[in-house]
Amino acid sequence: MANGKCAEEQDEPFRNIWAMCQPFTMTSFDRGLALFRGVRYIVENRIPGDFVECGVWKGGSSMIAMLTLRHFKAANRRFFLFDTFQGMTEPTDVDIDVHSQPAKDLLCSAHVAKETVQIWAHSPINDVRNNIERTEYPPDLITFVEGDVRNTAPVARTKSPANSASSRGYAAAPREKTRVAANPARPRLG
């Protein structure tokens, strides 16, 4: 029990947040709730920093974080949203799923256009912007970084006014892209 409330009471605001964000995420309810709790923990413990998500698809996970920050009257953190906004990049040999199946095999089994198959995670940047706007999070605190994260993350690090990051977005991005994106930010992660 924290703040005199049981876990169920503390999590109650998440139900409305989830209802708004669920159509825009591949994240399960349980993982969305874990994200809500993580952001709440960051706010309650006054952990400084910005939020970074690599592979935003339609923006749902960032929307959960933004709405959580708004709920707790802490909508003053920057968000850096990295994505190609054209679907997944071609996987490499090190990109495998939890069952060691190569991502190349999985993605090649989707024989239709990237735009029509969810596994390719295609979502145009204007669609993502429109989804993110639904949160009413301050737009001047949101930076969309378009391109392959292997190329954009190192450049964004040198241009960012932020000196730390509270949370790394978990994403469906292939392992190599996530590793490359996380390494430049690692010294800044709290």
Protein backbone atom coordinates (compact mmCIF):
# COMPACT_ATOMS: atom_id res chain seq x y z
CA MET A 1 0.00 0.00 0.00
CA ALA A 2 1.41 3.38 -1.03
CA ASN A 3 -0.09 6.78 -0.24
CA GLY A 4 -2.74 4.97 1.82
CA LYS A 5 -4.22 3.31 -1.28
CA CYS A 6 -4.18 -0.33 -2.27
CA ALA A 7 -2.73 -1.33 -5.64
CA GLU A 8 -6.17 -1.66 -7.21
CA GLU A 9 -7.07 1.91 -6.24
CA GLN A 10 -3.70 3.21 -7.45
CA ASP A 11 -4.21 1.51 -10.82
CA GLU A 12 -7.80 2.71 -11.35
CA PRO A 13 -6.80 5.72 -13.54
CA PHE A 14 -5.16 3.28 -15.95
CA ARG A 15 -8.53 1.89 -17.10
CA ASN A 16 -9.47 5.17 -18.81
CA ILE A 17 -5.96 5.62 -20.16
CA TRP A 18 -6.03 2.09 -21.57
CA ALA A 19 -9.43 2.63 -23.20
CA MET A 20 -8.02 5.62 -25.08
CA CYS A 21 -4.67 4.06 -26.05
CA GLN A 22 -5.43 0.40 -26.72
CA PRO A 23 -6.39 0.88 -30.40
CA PHE A 24 -2.96 2.43 -31.03
CA THR A 25 -0.67 -0.16 -29.45
CA MET A 26 0.38 -3.78 -29.85
CA THR A 27 1.16 -3.78 -26.13
CA SER A 28 -0.97 -6.08 -23.96
CA PHE A 29 -3.11 -4.76 -21.10
CA ASP A 30 -0.64 -6.16 -18.54
CA ARG A 31 2.36 -4.52 -20.20
CA GLY A 32 0.46 -1.26 -20.60
CA LEU A 33 -0.33 -1.40 -16.88
CA ALA A 34 3.36 -2.03 -16.14
CA LEU A 35 4.24 1.05 -18.20
CA PHE A 36 1.64 3.10 -16.28
CA ARG A 37 3.11 1.89 -12.99
CA GLY A 38 6.65 2.62 -14.15
CA VAL A 39 5.78 6.19 -15.13
CA ARG A 40 3.90 6.64 -11.85
CA TYR A 41 7.01 5.43 -9.98
CA ILE A 42 9.19 7.92 -11.87
CA VAL A 43 6.82 10.76 -10.94
CA GLU A 44 6.36 9.72 -7.30
CA ASN A 45 10.11 9.34 -6.79
CA ARG A 46 10.94 12.55 -8.66
CA ILE A 47 13.32 10.78 -11.02
CA PRO A 48 14.45 13.37 -13.58
CA GLY A 49 14.72 12.83 -17.30
CA ASP A 50 13.00 12.52 -20.63
CA PHE A 51 11.23 9.63 -22.32
CA VAL A 52 12.54 7.83 -25.40
CA GLU A 53 10.70 5.26 -27.47
CA CYS A 54 12.28 3.42 -30.38
CA GLY A 55 9.68 1.99 -32.73
CA VAL A 56 6.45 3.81 -31.90
CA TRP A 57 4.10 2.20 -34.47
CA LYS A 58 0.85 4.15 -33.90
CA GLY A 59 2.07 5.85 -30.71
CA GLY A 60 0.04 3.92 -28.11
CA SER A 61 2.80 3.27 -25.58
CA SER A 62 3.95 6.88 -25.65
CA MET A 63 0.31 7.91 -25.32
CA ILE A 64 0.06 5.79 -22.15
CA ALA A 65 3.14 7.51 -20.72
CA MET A 66 1.91 10.98 -21.70
CA LEU A 67 -1.57 10.46 -20.27
CA THR A 68 -0.07 9.05 -17.09
CA LEU A 69 2.14 12.11 -16.72
CA ARG A 70 -0.87 14.36 -17.32
CA HIS A 71 -2.92 12.43 -14.74
CA PHE A 72 -0.21 12.99 -12.13
CA LYS A 73 0.19 16.68 -13.10
CA ALA A 74 3.72 16.06 -14.37
CA ALA A 75 3.42 16.79 -18.09
CA ASN A 76 6.74 18.62 -18.27
CA ARG A 77 9.04 15.97 -19.70
CA ARG A 78 10.27 15.74 -23.26
CA PHE A 79 9.45 12.75 -25.47
CA PHE A 80 11.72 11.57 -28.28
CA LEU A 81 9.83 9.23 -30.61
CA PHE A 82 12.09 7.31 -33.02
CA ASP A 83 10.60 5.45 -35.97
CA THR A 84 10.88 5.13 -39.72
CA PHE A 85 7.12 5.80 -39.90
CA GLN A 86 7.27 3.54 -42.96
CA GLY A 87 7.26 0.18 -41.19
CA MET A 88 10.04 -2.06 -39.97
CA THR A 89 13.44 -1.88 -41.58
CA GLU A 90 14.76 -5.05 -43.14
CA PRO A 91 15.91 -7.42 -40.37
CA THR A 92 19.50 -8.59 -40.03
CA ASP A 93 20.84 -12.00 -39.03
CA VAL A 94 20.96 -11.07 -35.33
CA ASP A 95 17.25 -10.19 -35.26
CA ILE A 96 15.43 -13.19 -33.79
CA ASP A 97 12.25 -13.72 -31.79
CA VAL A 98 12.00 -15.30 -28.32
CA HIS A 99 11.94 -18.76 -29.94
CA SER A 100 15.15 -18.04 -31.93
CA GLN A 101 13.20 -17.80 -35.18
CA PRO A 102 14.92 -15.36 -37.54
CA ALA A 103 12.93 -12.19 -38.07
CA LYS A 104 13.71 -12.46 -41.78
CA ASP A 105 11.66 -15.68 -41.94
CA LEU A 106 8.81 -14.20 -39.96
CA LEU A 107 8.61 -11.01 -42.01
CA CYS A 108 9.07 -12.80 -45.32
CA SER A 109 6.05 -14.94 -44.47
CA ALA A 110 3.99 -11.75 -44.69
CA HIS A 111 3.85 -11.73 -48.49
CA VAL A 112 1.70 -8.64 -48.81
CA ALA A 113 2.57 -4.96 -48.74
CA LYS A 114 4.01 -3.44 -45.56
CA GLU A 115 1.05 -1.08 -45.36
CA THR A 116 -1.43 -3.94 -44.92
CA VAL A 117 0.26 -6.25 -42.43
CA GLN A 118 0.50 -5.34 -38.73
CA ILE A 119 3.73 -7.28 -38.23
CA TRP A 120 5.55 -4.75 -40.41
CA ALA A 121 4.36 -2.01 -38.00
CA HIS A 122 3.64 0.52 -40.75
CA SER A 123 2.09 3.77 -39.54
CA PRO A 124 2.64 7.08 -41.36
CA ILE A 125 3.98 9.96 -39.28
CA ASN A 126 0.84 12.09 -39.76
CA ASP A 127 -1.30 9.28 -38.33
CA VAL A 128 1.01 8.99 -35.33
CA ARG A 129 0.97 12.78 -34.80
CA ASN A 130 -2.84 12.75 -34.87
CA ASN A 131 -2.94 9.91 -32.33
CA ILE A 132 -0.44 11.63 -30.02
CA GLU A 133 -2.43 14.89 -30.23
CA ARG A 134 -5.37 13.08 -28.60
CA THR A 135 -3.40 13.07 -25.34
CA GLU A 136 -3.28 16.89 -25.25
CA TYR A 137 0.32 16.58 -24.10
CA PRO A 138 2.26 19.81 -24.73
CA PRO A 139 3.34 19.52 -28.38
CA ASP A 140 6.53 21.54 -27.80
CA LEU A 141 7.78 18.67 -25.60
CA ILE A 142 7.39 16.03 -28.32
CA THR A 143 10.06 15.36 -30.92
CA PHE A 144 9.42 12.94 -33.76
CA VAL A 145 12.67 11.52 -35.08
CA GLU A 146 12.09 10.01 -38.51
CA GLY A 147 14.41 7.39 -39.96
CA ASP A 148 16.28 4.20 -39.14
CA VAL A 149 17.18 4.43 -35.45
CA ARG A 150 20.68 3.12 -36.22
CA ASN A 151 21.26 6.41 -38.01
CA THR A 152 19.06 8.85 -36.08
CA ALA A 153 19.76 7.93 -32.42
CA PRO A 154 23.44 8.90 -32.42
CA VAL A 155 22.64 12.21 -34.16
CA ALA A 156 19.70 12.95 -31.86
CA ARG A 157 21.92 12.44 -28.81
CA THR A 158 24.26 15.19 -29.89
CA LYS A 159 21.38 17.58 -30.62
CA SER A 160 19.28 16.86 -27.52
CA PRO A 161 19.11 19.47 -24.79
CA ALA A 162 18.21 16.70 -22.35
CA ASN A 163 20.85 15.35 -20.03
CA SER A 164 19.12 12.18 -18.93
CA ALA A 165 16.34 9.81 -19.79
CA SER A 166 13.98 8.35 -17.19
CA SER A 167 12.70 5.55 -19.30
CA ARG A 168 13.49 3.71 -22.47
CA GLY A 169 10.53 2.73 -24.53
CA TYR A 170 10.26 -0.95 -25.14
CA ALA A 171 9.38 -1.63 -28.71
CA ALA A 172 8.83 -4.34 -31.23
CA ALA A 173 11.93 -3.11 -33.01
CA PRO A 174 14.41 -5.79 -34.04
CA ARG A 175 17.14 -6.46 -31.51
CA GLU A 176 19.98 -4.83 -33.46
CA LYS A 177 18.07 -1.57 -33.86
CA THR A 178 17.20 -1.46 -30.15
CA ARG A 179 20.81 -2.15 -29.14
CA VAL A 180 22.13 0.57 -31.44
CA ALA A 181 19.55 3.05 -30.18
CA ALA A 182 20.14 2.27 -26.51
CA ASN A 183 23.93 2.47 -26.55
CA PRO A 184 24.23 6.24 -27.22
CA ALA A 185 21.58 6.96 -24.55
CA ARG A 186 22.92 4.55 -21.94
CA PRO A 187 25.14 7.07 -20.11
CA ARG A 188 22.10 9.35 -19.81
CA LEU A 189 19.64 6.74 -18.53
CA GLY A 190 18.72 7.09 -14.87
